[in-house]
């Protein structure tokens, strides 16, 4: 999907806490597309795998256009990790009481764009 600021991909309702994904997102935000893919493939976190999947989708959206873009000319223009809805589960406690367990979800948005070439 092409936007004014590049090509984007969105993954919604991912069952991982946004606070666990944001440190991974901070490492690749603003980097070149091939470098960002290499960084994410080397990381063991679940959030890295999820961001990598969305990043590759955004890259495919950019490469499969009629503009004949090259993979090396792309960079990560924006990477947003937003809160999704929370699933509420009951956790039984002693004496007939209970606690609420919140299972947090994330929405990940990745925008890749072409580097602006400055030449004479």
PDB file of N, CA and C in Angstrom:
ATOM      1  N   UNK A   1       0.834  -1.164   0.000  1.00  0.00           N
ATOM      2  CA  UNK A   1       0.000   0.000   0.000  1.00  0.00           C
ATOM      3  C   UNK A   1       0.886   1.237   0.000  1.00  0.00           C
ATOM      4  N   UNK A   2       0.664   2.126  -0.951  1.00  0.00           N
ATOM      5  CA  UNK A   2       1.485   3.329  -1.050  1.00  0.00           C
ATOM      6  C   UNK A   2       0.810   4.473  -0.310  1.00  0.00           C
ATOM      7  N   UNK A   3       1.584   5.183   0.482  1.00  0.00           N
ATOM      8  CA  UNK A   3       1.086   6.368   1.169  1.00  0.00           C
ATOM      9  C   UNK A   3       1.861   7.568   0.648  1.00  0.00           C
ATOM     10  N   UNK A   4       1.549   8.741   1.192  1.00  0.00           N
ATOM     11  CA  UNK A   4       2.276   9.940   0.782  1.00  0.00           C
ATOM     12  C   UNK A   4       3.747   9.854   1.145  1.00  0.00           C
ATOM     13  N   UNK A   5       4.033   9.149   2.221  1.00  0.00           N
ATOM     14  CA  UNK A   5       5.401   9.109   2.727  1.00  0.00           C
ATOM     15  C   UNK A   5       6.073   7.766   2.491  1.00  0.00           C
ATOM     16  N   UNK A   6       5.601   6.968   1.551  1.00  0.00           N
ATOM     17  CA  UNK A   6       6.272   5.711   1.275  1.00  0.00           C
ATOM     18  C   UNK A   6       5.307   4.554   1.157  1.00  0.00           C
ATOM     19  N   UNK A   7       5.836   3.367   1.386  1.00  0.00           N
ATOM     20  CA  UNK A   7       5.067   2.131   1.263  1.00  0.00           C
ATOM     21  C   UNK A   7       4.965   1.503   2.642  1.00  0.00           C
ATOM     22  N   UNK A   8       3.749   1.106   3.022  1.00  0.00           N
ATOM     23  CA  UNK A   8       3.570   0.641   4.391  1.00  0.00           C
ATOM     24  C   UNK A   8       2.952  -0.741   4.445  1.00  0.00           C
ATOM     25  N   UNK A   9       3.126  -1.360   5.589  1.00  0.00           N
ATOM     26  CA  UNK A   9       2.481  -2.627   5.923  1.00  0.00           C
ATOM     27  C   UNK A   9       2.099  -2.546   7.398  1.00  0.00           C
ATOM     28  N   UNK A  10       0.949  -3.137   7.725  1.00  0.00           N
ATOM     29  CA  UNK A  10       0.433  -3.086   9.088  1.00  0.00           C
ATOM     30  C   UNK A  10       0.086  -4.497   9.547  1.00  0.00           C
ATOM     31  N   UNK A  11       0.496  -4.828  10.760  1.00  0.00           N
ATOM     32  CA  UNK A  11       0.084  -6.088  11.396  1.00  0.00           C
ATOM     33  C   UNK A  11      -0.660  -5.716  12.664  1.00  0.00           C
ATOM     34  N   UNK A  12      -1.876  -6.218  12.794  1.00  0.00           N
ATOM     35  CA  UNK A  12      -2.692  -5.870  13.944  1.00  0.00           C
ATOM     36  C   UNK A  12      -2.957  -7.095  14.816  1.00  0.00           C
ATOM     37  N   UNK A  13      -3.273  -6.823  16.074  1.00  0.00           N
ATOM     38  CA  UNK A  13      -3.685  -7.841  17.047  1.00  0.00           C
ATOM     39  C   UNK A  13      -2.618  -8.910  17.259  1.00  0.00           C
ATOM     40  N   UNK A  14      -1.361  -8.487  17.366  1.00  0.00           N
ATOM     41  CA  UNK A  14      -0.269  -9.421  17.637  1.00  0.00           C
ATOM     42  C   UNK A  14      -0.185  -9.640  19.144  1.00  0.00           C
ATOM     43  N   UNK A  15      -0.129 -10.886  19.552  1.00  0.00           N
ATOM     44  CA  UNK A  15      -0.171 -11.216  20.975  1.00  0.00           C
ATOM     45  C   UNK A  15       1.221 -11.110  21.596  1.00  0.00           C
ATOM     46  N   UNK A  16       1.668  -9.883  21.721  1.00  0.00           N
ATOM     47  CA  UNK A  16       2.924  -9.573  22.400  1.00  0.00           C
ATOM     48  C   UNK A  16       2.780  -8.158  22.953  1.00  0.00           C
ATOM     49  N   UNK A  17       3.339  -7.930  24.111  1.00  0.00           N
ATOM     50  CA  UNK A  17       3.219  -6.631  24.761  1.00  0.00           C
ATOM     51  C   UNK A  17       4.013  -5.566  23.998  1.00  0.00           C
ATOM     52  N   UNK A  18       3.435  -4.387  23.794  1.00  0.00           N
ATOM     53  CA  UNK A  18       4.152  -3.328  23.086  1.00  0.00           C
ATOM     54  C   UNK A  18       5.446  -2.913  23.789  1.00  0.00           C
ATOM     55  N   UNK A  19       5.481  -3.021  25.113  1.00  0.00           N
ATOM     56  CA  UNK A  19       6.690  -2.644  25.842  1.00  0.00           C
ATOM     57  C   UNK A  19       7.850  -3.591  25.565  1.00  0.00           C
ATOM     58  N   UNK A  20       7.554  -4.814  25.099  1.00  0.00           N
ATOM     59  CA  UNK A  20       8.610  -5.755  24.735  1.00  0.00           C
ATOM     60  C   UNK A  20       9.066  -5.557  23.299  1.00  0.00           C
ATOM     61  N   UNK A  21       8.224  -4.965  22.464  1.00  0.00           N
ATOM     62  CA  UNK A  21       8.548  -4.800  21.045  1.00  0.00           C
ATOM     63  C   UNK A  21       9.259  -3.470  20.791  1.00  0.00           C
ATOM     64  N   UNK A  22       8.943  -2.448  21.556  1.00  0.00           N
ATOM     65  CA  UNK A  22       9.489  -1.109  21.295  1.00  0.00           C
ATOM     66  C   UNK A  22      11.013  -1.022  21.361  1.00  0.00           C
ATOM     67  N   UNK A  23      11.706  -1.681  22.305  1.00  0.00           N
ATOM     68  CA  UNK A  23      13.174  -1.617  22.281  1.00  0.00           C
ATOM     69  C   UNK A  23      13.779  -2.210  21.003  1.00  0.00           C
ATOM     70  N   UNK A  24      13.143  -3.240  20.459  1.00  0.00           N
ATOM     71  CA  UNK A  24      13.612  -3.835  19.204  1.00  0.00           C
ATOM     72  C   UNK A  24      13.368  -2.860  18.061  1.00  0.00           C
ATOM     73  N   UNK A  25      12.207  -2.204  18.065  1.00  0.00           N
ATOM     74  CA  UNK A  25      11.869  -1.245  17.012  1.00  0.00           C
ATOM     75  C   UNK A  25      12.835  -0.056  17.012  1.00  0.00           C
ATOM     76  N   UNK A  26      13.278   0.348  18.187  1.00  0.00           N
ATOM     77  CA  UNK A  26      14.195   1.486  18.263  1.00  0.00           C
ATOM     78  C   UNK A  26      15.545   1.196  17.599  1.00  0.00           C
ATOM     79  N   UNK A  27      15.928  -0.076  17.515  1.00  0.00           N
ATOM     80  CA  UNK A  27      17.212  -0.431  16.919  1.00  0.00           C
ATOM     81  C   UNK A  27      17.226  -0.290  15.397  1.00  0.00           C
ATOM     82  N   UNK A  28      16.065  -0.471  14.748  1.00  0.00           N
ATOM     83  CA  UNK A  28      16.054  -0.474  13.282  1.00  0.00           C
ATOM     84  C   UNK A  28      15.389   0.752  12.682  1.00  0.00           C
ATOM     85  N   UNK A  29      14.800   1.597  13.488  1.00  0.00           N
ATOM     86  CA  UNK A  29      14.124   2.791  12.967  1.00  0.00           C
ATOM     87  C   UNK A  29      15.139   3.724  12.296  1.00  0.00           C
ATOM     88  N   UNK A  30      14.885   4.081  11.028  1.00  0.00           N
ATOM     89  CA  UNK A  30      15.754   4.993  10.292  1.00  0.00           C
ATOM     90  C   UNK A  30      16.902   4.320   9.558  1.00  0.00           C
ATOM     91  N   UNK A  31      17.076   3.028   9.712  1.00  0.00           N
ATOM     92  CA  UNK A  31      18.188   2.311   9.069  1.00  0.00           C
ATOM     93  C   UNK A  31      17.835   1.954   7.625  1.00  0.00           C
ATOM     94  N   UNK A  32      18.849   1.596   6.853  1.00  0.00           N
ATOM     95  CA  UNK A  32      18.647   1.109   5.493  1.00  0.00           C
ATOM     96  C   UNK A  32      17.911  -0.228   5.548  1.00  0.00           C
ATOM     97  N   UNK A  33      17.113  -0.508   4.529  1.00  0.00           N
ATOM     98  CA  UNK A  33      16.282  -1.717   4.519  1.00  0.00           C
ATOM     99  C   UNK A  33      17.103  -3.001   4.662  1.00  0.00           C
ATOM    100  N   UNK A  34      18.184  -3.211   3.862  1.00  0.00           N
ATOM    101  CA  UNK A  34      18.949  -4.458   4.024  1.00  0.00           C
ATOM    102  C   UNK A  34      19.608  -4.580   5.403  1.00  0.00           C
ATOM    103  N   UNK A  35      20.058  -3.449   5.949  1.00  0.00           N
ATOM    104  CA  UNK A  35      20.689  -3.457   7.277  1.00  0.00           C
ATOM    105  C   UNK A  35      19.665  -3.791   8.360  1.00  0.00           C
ATOM    106  N   UNK A  36      18.456  -3.243   8.241  1.00  0.00           N
ATOM    107  CA  UNK A  36      17.408  -3.523   9.213  1.00  0.00           C
ATOM    108  C   UNK A  36      17.002  -4.996   9.183  1.00  0.00           C
ATOM    109  N   UNK A  37      16.912  -5.582   7.986  1.00  0.00           N
ATOM    110  CA  UNK A  37      16.573  -6.997   7.868  1.00  0.00           C
ATOM    111  C   UNK A  37      17.664  -7.851   8.517  1.00  0.00           C
ATOM    112  N   UNK A  38      18.926  -7.500   8.286  1.00  0.00           N
ATOM    113  CA  UNK A  38      20.033  -8.262   8.864  1.00  0.00           C
ATOM    114  C   UNK A  38      20.035  -8.175  10.388  1.00  0.00           C
ATOM    115  N   UNK A  39      19.751  -7.009  10.940  1.00  0.00           N
ATOM    116  CA  UNK A  39      19.715  -6.837  12.393  1.00  0.00           C
ATOM    117  C   UNK A  39      18.601  -7.687  12.998  1.00  0.00           C
ATOM    118  N   UNK A  40      17.407  -7.630  12.395  1.00  0.00           N
ATOM    119  CA  UNK A  40      16.257  -8.352  12.945  1.00  0.00           C
ATOM    120  C   UNK A  40      16.413  -9.866  12.829  1.00  0.00           C
ATOM    121  N   UNK A  41      17.054 -10.342  11.757  1.00  0.00           N
ATOM    122  CA  UNK A  41      17.255 -11.783  11.602  1.00  0.00           C
ATOM    123  C   UNK A  41      18.213 -12.344  12.645  1.00  0.00           C
ATOM    124  N   UNK A  42      19.097 -11.494  13.177  1.00  0.00           N
ATOM    125  CA  UNK A  42      20.083 -11.949  14.154  1.00  0.00           C
ATOM    126  C   UNK A  42      19.577 -11.879  15.596  1.00  0.00           C
ATOM    127  N   UNK A  43      18.416 -11.279  15.814  1.00  0.00           N
ATOM    128  CA  UNK A  43      17.918 -11.096  17.178  1.00  0.00           C
ATOM    129  C   UNK A  43      17.031 -12.264  17.607  1.00  0.00           C
ATOM    130  N   UNK A  44      17.112 -12.678  18.882  1.00  0.00           N
ATOM    131  CA  UNK A  44      16.330 -13.829  19.345  1.00  0.00           C
ATOM    132  C   UNK A  44      14.919 -13.493  19.816  1.00  0.00           C
ATOM    133  N   UNK A  45      14.571 -12.213  19.957  1.00  0.00           N
ATOM    134  CA  UNK A  45      13.278 -11.848  20.541  1.00  0.00           C
ATOM    135  C   UNK A  45      12.111 -12.155  19.601  1.00  0.00           C
ATOM    136  N   UNK A  46      10.969 -12.433  20.204  1.00  0.00           N
ATOM    137  CA  UNK A  46       9.742 -12.656  19.429  1.00  0.00           C
ATOM    138  C   UNK A  46       9.355 -11.384  18.676  1.00  0.00           C
ATOM    139  N   UNK A  47       9.534 -10.239  19.298  1.00  0.00           N
ATOM    140  CA  UNK A  47       9.209  -8.969  18.655  1.00  0.00           C
ATOM    141  C   UNK A  47      10.031  -8.732  17.400  1.00  0.00           C
ATOM    142  N   UNK A  48      11.269  -9.210  17.393  1.00  0.00           N
ATOM    143  CA  UNK A  48      12.116  -9.061  16.208  1.00  0.00           C
ATOM    144  C   UNK A  48      11.558  -9.861  15.038  1.00  0.00           C
ATOM    145  N   UNK A  49      11.062 -11.064  15.317  1.00  0.00           N
ATOM    146  CA  UNK A  49      10.461 -11.886  14.254  1.00  0.00           C
ATOM    147  C   UNK A  49       9.208 -11.232  13.692  1.00  0.00           C
ATOM    148  N   UNK A  50       8.392 -10.639  14.577  1.00  0.00           N
ATOM    149  CA  UNK A  50       7.164 -10.002  14.134  1.00  0.00           C
ATOM    150  C   UNK A  50       7.445  -8.744  13.315  1.00  0.00           C
ATOM    151  N   UNK A  51       8.388  -7.926  13.769  1.00  0.00           N
ATOM    152  CA  UNK A  51       8.751  -6.718  13.026  1.00  0.00           C
ATOM    153  C   UNK A  51       9.364  -7.093  11.689  1.00  0.00           C
ATOM    154  N   UNK A  52      10.184  -8.139  11.662  1.00  0.00           N
ATOM    155  CA  UNK A  52      10.811  -8.581  10.417  1.00  0.00           C
ATOM    156  C   UNK A  52       9.763  -8.973   9.383  1.00  0.00           C
ATOM    157  N   UNK A  53       8.729  -9.668   9.823  1.00  0.00           N
ATOM    158  CA  UNK A  53       7.674 -10.089   8.911  1.00  0.00           C
ATOM    159  C   UNK A  53       6.955  -8.884   8.303  1.00  0.00           C
ATOM    160  N   UNK A  54       6.657  -7.881   9.132  1.00  0.00           N
ATOM    161  CA  UNK A  54       5.975  -6.686   8.647  1.00  0.00           C
ATOM    162  C   UNK A  54       6.912  -5.859   7.769  1.00  0.00           C
ATOM    163  N   UNK A  55       8.202  -5.794   8.137  1.00  0.00           N
ATOM    164  CA  UNK A  55       9.184  -5.053   7.347  1.00  0.00           C
ATOM    165  C   UNK A  55       9.348  -5.652   5.959  1.00  0.00           C
ATOM    166  N   UNK A  56       9.410  -6.978   5.884  1.00  0.00           N
ATOM    167  CA  UNK A  56       9.528  -7.631   4.579  1.00  0.00           C
ATOM    168  C   UNK A  56       8.282  -7.401   3.735  1.00  0.00           C
ATOM    169  N   UNK A  57       7.126  -7.351   4.366  1.00  0.00           N
ATOM    170  CA  UNK A  57       5.891  -7.070   3.638  1.00  0.00           C
ATOM    171  C   UNK A  57       5.895  -5.652   3.078  1.00  0.00           C
ATOM    172  N   UNK A  58       6.345  -4.689   3.877  1.00  0.00           N
ATOM    173  CA  UNK A  58       6.427  -3.306   3.398  1.00  0.00           C
ATOM    174  C   UNK A  58       7.456  -3.189   2.273  1.00  0.00           C
ATOM    175  N   UNK A  59       8.580  -3.915   2.398  1.00  0.00           N
ATOM    176  CA  UNK A  59       9.586  -3.921   1.333  1.00  0.00           C
ATOM    177  C   UNK A  59       9.039  -4.520   0.054  1.00  0.00           C
ATOM    178  N   UNK A  60       8.254  -5.586   0.178  1.00  0.00           N
ATOM    179  CA  UNK A  60       7.646  -6.194  -1.005  1.00  0.00           C
ATOM    180  C   UNK A  60       6.635  -5.243  -1.642  1.00  0.00           C
ATOM    181  N   UNK A  61       5.902  -4.503  -0.814  1.00  0.00           N
ATOM    182  CA  UNK A  61       4.976  -3.508  -1.351  1.00  0.00           C
ATOM    183  C   UNK A  61       5.715  -2.447  -2.153  1.00  0.00           C
ATOM    184  N   UNK A  62       6.896  -2.072  -1.700  1.00  0.00           N
ATOM    185  CA  UNK A  62       7.676  -1.050  -2.399  1.00  0.00           C
ATOM    186  C   UNK A  62       8.307  -1.601  -3.679  1.00  0.00           C
ATOM    187  N   UNK A  63       8.798  -2.829  -3.625  1.00  0.00           N
ATOM    188  CA  UNK A  63       9.513  -3.389  -4.776  1.00  0.00           C
ATOM    189  C   UNK A  63       8.578  -3.833  -5.892  1.00  0.00           C
ATOM    190  N   UNK A  64       7.336  -4.159  -5.569  1.00  0.00           N
ATOM    191  CA  UNK A  64       6.403  -4.646  -6.574  1.00  0.00           C
ATOM    192  C   UNK A  64       5.523  -3.541  -7.145  1.00  0.00           C
ATOM    193  N   UNK A  65       6.094  -2.381  -7.321  1.00  0.00           N
ATOM    194  CA  UNK A  65       5.374  -1.276  -7.948  1.00  0.00           C
ATOM    195  C   UNK A  65       5.953  -1.041  -9.334  1.00  0.00           C
ATOM    196  N   UNK A  66       5.364  -0.123 -10.045  1.00  0.00           N
ATOM    197  CA  UNK A  66       5.834   0.197 -11.388  1.00  0.00           C
ATOM    198  C   UNK A  66       6.987   1.190 -11.382  1.00  0.00           C
ATOM    199  N   UNK A  67       7.465   1.582 -10.208  1.00  0.00           N
ATOM    200  CA  UNK A  67       8.523   2.586 -10.123  1.00  0.00           C
ATOM    201  C   UNK A  67       9.919   2.000 -10.220  1.00  0.00           C
ATOM    202  N   UNK A  68      10.049   0.665 -10.301  1.00  0.00           N
ATOM    203  CA  UNK A  68      11.345  -0.012 -10.461  1.00  0.00           C
ATOM    204  C   UNK A  68      12.322   0.380  -9.351  1.00  0.00           C
ATOM    205  N   UNK A  69      11.882   0.251  -8.121  1.00  0.00           N
ATOM    206  CA  UNK A  69      12.744   0.580  -6.982  1.00  0.00           C
ATOM    207  C   UNK A  69      13.729  -0.549  -6.733  1.00  0.00           C
ATOM    208  N   UNK A  70      14.863  -0.202  -6.181  1.00  0.00           N
ATOM    209  CA  UNK A  70      15.892  -1.168  -5.822  1.00  0.00           C
ATOM    210  C   UNK A  70      15.863  -1.367  -4.308  1.00  0.00           C
ATOM    211  N   UNK A  71      16.156  -2.578  -3.855  1.00  0.00           N
ATOM    212  CA  UNK A  71      16.145  -2.890  -2.429  1.00  0.00           C
ATOM    213  C   UNK A  71      17.145  -2.043  -1.653  1.00  0.00           C
ATOM    214  N   UNK A  72      18.288  -1.730  -2.274  1.00  0.00           N
ATOM    215  CA  UNK A  72      19.316  -0.946  -1.600  1.00  0.00           C
ATOM    216  C   UNK A  72      18.952   0.527  -1.462  1.00  0.00           C
ATOM    217  N   UNK A  73      17.952   0.985  -2.212  1.00  0.00           N
ATOM    218  CA  UNK A  73      17.570   2.398  -2.143  1.00  0.00           C
ATOM    219  C   UNK A  73      16.475   2.646  -1.106  1.00  0.00           C
ATOM    220  N   UNK A  74      16.052   1.624  -0.377  1.00  0.00           N
ATOM    221  CA  UNK A  74      14.985   1.767   0.612  1.00  0.00           C
ATOM    222  C   UNK A  74      15.555   1.948   2.019  1.00  0.00           C
ATOM    223  N   UNK A  75      14.775   2.637   2.850  1.00  0.00           N
ATOM    224  CA  UNK A  75      15.117   2.755   4.265  1.00  0.00           C
ATOM    225  C   UNK A  75      13.835   2.722   5.086  1.00  0.00           C
ATOM    226  N   UNK A  76      13.955   2.465   6.382  1.00  0.00           N
ATOM    227  CA  UNK A  76      12.802   2.394   7.277  1.00  0.00           C
ATOM    228  C   UNK A  76      12.442   3.828   7.667  1.00  0.00           C
ATOM    229  N   UNK A  77      11.395   4.353   7.030  1.00  0.00           N
ATOM    230  CA  UNK A  77      11.002   5.738   7.269  1.00  0.00           C
ATOM    231  C   UNK A  77      10.262   5.896   8.589  1.00  0.00           C
ATOM    232  N   UNK A  78       9.424   4.931   8.926  1.00  0.00           N
ATOM    233  CA  UNK A  78       8.671   4.990  10.183  1.00  0.00           C
ATOM    234  C   UNK A  78       8.410   3.573  10.663  1.00  0.00           C
ATOM    235  N   UNK A  79       8.461   3.398  11.972  1.00  0.00           N
ATOM    236  CA  UNK A  79       8.154   2.108  12.583  1.00  0.00           C
ATOM    237  C   UNK A  79       7.404   2.406  13.877  1.00  0.00           C
ATOM    238  N   UNK A  80       6.108   2.119  13.873  1.00  0.00           N
ATOM    239  CA  UNK A  80       5.261   2.419  15.021  1.00  0.00           C
ATOM    240  C   UNK A  80       4.813   1.132  15.690  1.00  0.00           C
ATOM    241  N   UNK A  81       4.865   1.117  17.017  1.00  0.00           N
ATOM    242  CA  UNK A  81       4.342  -0.001  17.799  1.00  0.00           C
ATOM    243  C   UNK A  81       3.284   0.587  18.719  1.00  0.00           C
ATOM    244  N   UNK A  82       2.024   0.310  18.404  1.00  0.00           N
ATOM    245  CA  UNK A  82       0.903   0.868  19.163  1.00  0.00           C
ATOM    246  C   UNK A  82       0.249  -0.218  20.011  1.00  0.00           C
ATOM    247  N   UNK A  83      -0.484   0.243  21.030  1.00  0.00           N
ATOM    248  CA  UNK A  83      -1.241  -0.674  21.874  1.00  0.00           C
ATOM    249  C   UNK A  83      -2.450  -1.192  21.122  1.00  0.00           C
ATOM    250  N   UNK A  84      -2.722  -2.463  21.293  1.00  0.00           N
ATOM    251  CA  UNK A  84      -3.950  -3.048  20.781  1.00  0.00           C
ATOM    252  C   UNK A  84      -4.906  -3.267  21.941  1.00  0.00           C
ATOM    253  N   UNK A  85      -5.970  -3.999  21.722  1.00  0.00           N
ATOM    254  CA  UNK A  85      -6.872  -4.299  22.831  1.00  0.00           C
ATOM    255  C   UNK A  85      -6.219  -5.272  23.814  1.00  0.00           C
ATOM    256  N   UNK A  86      -6.803  -5.384  24.969  1.00  0.00           N
ATOM    257  CA  UNK A  86      -6.273  -6.278  26.003  1.00  0.00           C
ATOM    258  C   UNK A  86      -7.278  -7.373  26.289  1.00  0.00           C
ATOM    259  N   UNK A  87      -6.795  -8.612  26.291  1.00  0.00           N
ATOM    260  CA  UNK A  87      -7.660  -9.722  26.682  1.00  0.00           C
ATOM    261  C   UNK A  87      -7.589  -9.848  28.198  1.00  0.00           C
ATOM    262  N   UNK A  88      -8.741  -9.933  28.830  1.00  0.00           N
ATOM    263  CA  UNK A  88      -8.789 -10.037  30.279  1.00  0.00           C
ATOM    264  C   UNK A  88      -9.083 -11.479  30.662  1.00  0.00           C
ATOM    265  N   UNK A  89      -8.224 -12.038  31.494  1.00  0.00           N
ATOM    266  CA  UNK A  89      -8.380 -13.408  31.950  1.00  0.00           C
ATOM    267  C   UNK A  89      -8.405 -13.420  33.478  1.00  0.00           C
ATOM    268  N   UNK A  90      -9.118 -14.375  34.050  1.00  0.00           N
ATOM    269  CA  UNK A  90      -9.234 -14.483  35.511  1.00  0.00           C
ATOM    270  C   UNK A  90      -8.163 -15.441  36.018  1.00  0.00           C
ATOM    271  N   UNK A  91      -7.506 -15.016  37.085  1.00  0.00           N
ATOM    272  CA  UNK A  91      -6.460 -15.789  37.712  1.00  0.00           C
ATOM    273  C   UNK A  91      -6.933 -16.094  39.143  1.00  0.00           C
ATOM    274  N   UNK A  92      -7.223 -17.356  39.411  1.00  0.00           N
ATOM    275  CA  UNK A  92      -7.782 -17.735  40.715  1.00  0.00           C
ATOM    276  C   UNK A  92      -6.744 -17.540  41.825  1.00  0.00           C
ATOM    277  N   UNK A  93      -7.220 -17.000  42.943  1.00  0.00           N
ATOM    278  CA  UNK A  93      -6.376 -16.780  44.124  1.00  0.00           C
ATOM    279  C   UNK A  93      -7.011 -17.511  45.312  1.00  0.00           C
ATOM    280  N   UNK A  94      -6.375 -17.436  46.439  1.00  0.00           N
ATOM    281  CA  UNK A  94      -6.878 -18.157  47.618  1.00  0.00           C
ATOM    282  C   UNK A  94      -8.129 -17.481  48.189  1.00  0.00           C
ATOM    283  N   UNK A  95      -8.881 -18.234  48.971  1.00  0.00           N
ATOM    284  CA  UNK A  95     -10.081 -17.768  49.656  1.00  0.00           C
ATOM    285  C   UNK A  95     -11.155 -17.274  48.688  1.00  0.00           C
ATOM    286  N   UNK A  96     -11.220 -17.882  47.494  1.00  0.00           N
ATOM    287  CA  UNK A  96     -12.264 -17.542  46.543  1.00  0.00           C
ATOM    288  C   UNK A  96     -12.100 -16.209  45.853  1.00  0.00           C
ATOM    289  N   UNK A  97     -10.930 -15.638  45.966  1.00  0.00           N
ATOM    290  CA  UNK A  97     -10.691 -14.352  45.320  1.00  0.00           C
ATOM    291  C   UNK A  97     -10.090 -14.568  43.936  1.00  0.00           C
ATOM    292  N   UNK A  98      -9.895 -13.483  43.215  1.00  0.00           N
ATOM    293  CA  UNK A  98      -9.314 -13.597  41.874  1.00  0.00           C
ATOM    294  C   UNK A  98      -8.528 -12.344  41.531  1.00  0.00           C
ATOM    295  N   UNK A  99      -7.624 -12.485  40.595  1.00  0.00           N
ATOM    296  CA  UNK A  99      -6.894 -11.370  40.010  1.00  0.00           C
ATOM    297  C   UNK A  99      -7.220 -11.346  38.526  1.00  0.00           C
ATOM    298  N   UNK A 100      -7.060 -10.192  37.916  1.00  0.00           N
ATOM    299  CA  UNK A 100      -7.281 -10.055  36.481  1.00  0.00           C
ATOM    300  C   UNK A 100      -5.908 -10.079  35.792  1.00  0.00           C
ATOM    301  N   UNK A 101      -5.771 -10.971  34.836  1.00  0.00           N
ATOM    302  CA  UNK A 101      -4.545 -11.077  34.049  1.00  0.00           C
ATOM    303  C   UNK A 101      -4.810 -10.422  32.698  1.00  0.00           C
ATOM    304  N   UNK A 102      -4.028  -9.403  32.371  1.00  0.00           N
ATOM    305  CA  UNK A 102      -4.189  -8.689  31.104  1.00  0.00           C
ATOM    306  C   UNK A 102      -3.194  -9.226  30.090  1.00  0.00           C
ATOM    307  N   UNK A 103      -3.698  -9.745  28.985  1.00  0.00           N
ATOM    308  CA  UNK A 103      -2.845 -10.181  27.889  1.00  0.00           C
ATOM    309  C   UNK A 103      -2.856  -9.059  26.859  1.00  0.00           C
ATOM    310  N   UNK A 104      -1.728  -8.374  26.748  1.00  0.00           N
ATOM    311  CA  UNK A 104      -1.663  -7.194  25.896  1.00  0.00           C
ATOM    312  C   UNK A 104      -1.391  -7.561  24.446  1.00  0.00           C
ATOM    313  N   UNK A 105      -1.916  -6.745  23.527  1.00  0.00           N
ATOM    314  CA  UNK A 105      -1.703  -6.932  22.093  1.00  0.00           C
ATOM    315  C   UNK A 105      -1.060  -5.687  21.502  1.00  0.00           C
ATOM    316  N   UNK A 106      -0.459  -5.863  20.329  1.00  0.00           N
ATOM    317  CA  UNK A 106       0.231  -4.776  19.651  1.00  0.00           C
ATOM    318  C   UNK A 106      -0.261  -4.637  18.222  1.00  0.00           C
ATOM    319  N   UNK A 107      -0.147  -3.412  17.704  1.00  0.00           N
ATOM    320  CA  UNK A 107      -0.309  -3.134  16.286  1.00  0.00           C
ATOM    321  C   UNK A 107       1.032  -2.580  15.811  1.00  0.00           C
ATOM    322  N   UNK A 108       1.617  -3.196  14.770  1.00  0.00           N
ATOM    323  CA  UNK A 108       2.911  -2.750  14.254  1.00  0.00           C
ATOM    324  C   UNK A 108       2.703  -2.183  12.854  1.00  0.00           C
ATOM    325  N   UNK A 109       3.184  -0.951  12.633  1.00  0.00           N
ATOM    326  CA  UNK A 109       3.112  -0.292  11.335  1.00  0.00           C
ATOM    327  C   UNK A 109       4.530   0.032  10.885  1.00  0.00           C
ATOM    328  N   UNK A 110       4.886  -0.406   9.674  1.00  0.00           N
ATOM    329  CA  UNK A 110       6.207  -0.135   9.120  1.00  0.00           C
ATOM    330  C   UNK A 110       6.025   0.615   7.798  1.00  0.00           C
ATOM    331  N   UNK A 111       6.751   1.715   7.640  1.00  0.00           N
ATOM    332  CA  UNK A 111       6.740   2.482   6.396  1.00  0.00           C
ATOM    333  C   UNK A 111       8.159   2.514   5.867  1.00  0.00           C
ATOM    334  N   UNK A 112       8.344   2.043   4.632  1.00  0.00           N
ATOM    335  CA  UNK A 112       9.645   2.147   3.974  1.00  0.00           C
ATOM    336  C   UNK A 112       9.504   3.149   2.833  1.00  0.00           C
ATOM    337  N   UNK A 113      10.584   3.860   2.580  1.00  0.00           N
ATOM    338  CA  UNK A 113      10.577   4.880   1.526  1.00  0.00           C
ATOM    339  C   UNK A 113      11.907   4.865   0.800  1.00  0.00           C
ATOM    340  N   UNK A 114      11.923   5.520  -0.324  1.00  0.00           N
ATOM    341  CA  UNK A 114      13.132   5.585  -1.145  1.00  0.00           C
ATOM    342  C   UNK A 114      14.024   6.705  -0.636  1.00  0.00           C
ATOM    343  N   UNK A 115      15.329   6.448  -0.592  1.00  0.00           N
ATOM    344  CA  UNK A 115      16.266   7.486  -0.185  1.00  0.00           C
ATOM    345  C   UNK A 115      16.289   8.572  -1.249  1.00  0.00           C
ATOM    346  N   UNK A 116      16.313   9.807  -0.795  1.00  0.00           N
ATOM    347  CA  UNK A 116      16.359  10.933  -1.737  1.00  0.00           C
ATOM    348  C   UNK A 116      17.796  11.074  -2.227  1.00  0.00           C
ATOM    349  N   UNK A 117      17.945  11.039  -3.551  1.00  0.00           N
ATOM    350  CA  UNK A 117      19.275  11.155  -4.137  1.00  0.00           C
ATOM    351  C   UNK A 117      19.578  12.624  -4.380  1.00  0.00           C
ATOM    352  N   UNK A 118      20.692  13.080  -3.811  1.00  0.00           N
ATOM    353  CA  UNK A 118      21.128  14.451  -3.985  1.00  0.00           C
ATOM    354  C   UNK A 118      22.314  14.427  -4.937  1.00  0.00           C
ATOM    355  N   UNK A 119      22.125  14.995  -6.073  1.00  0.00           N
ATOM    356  CA  UNK A 119      23.213  14.984  -7.068  1.00  0.00           C
ATOM    357  C   UNK A 119      23.307  16.299  -7.784  1.00  0.00           C
ATOM    358  N   UNK A 120      24.410  16.434  -8.555  1.00  0.00           N
ATOM    359  CA  UNK A 120      24.621  17.690  -9.295  1.00  0.00           C
ATOM    360  C   UNK A 120      24.251  17.506 -10.730  1.00  0.00           C
TER     361      UNK A 120
END
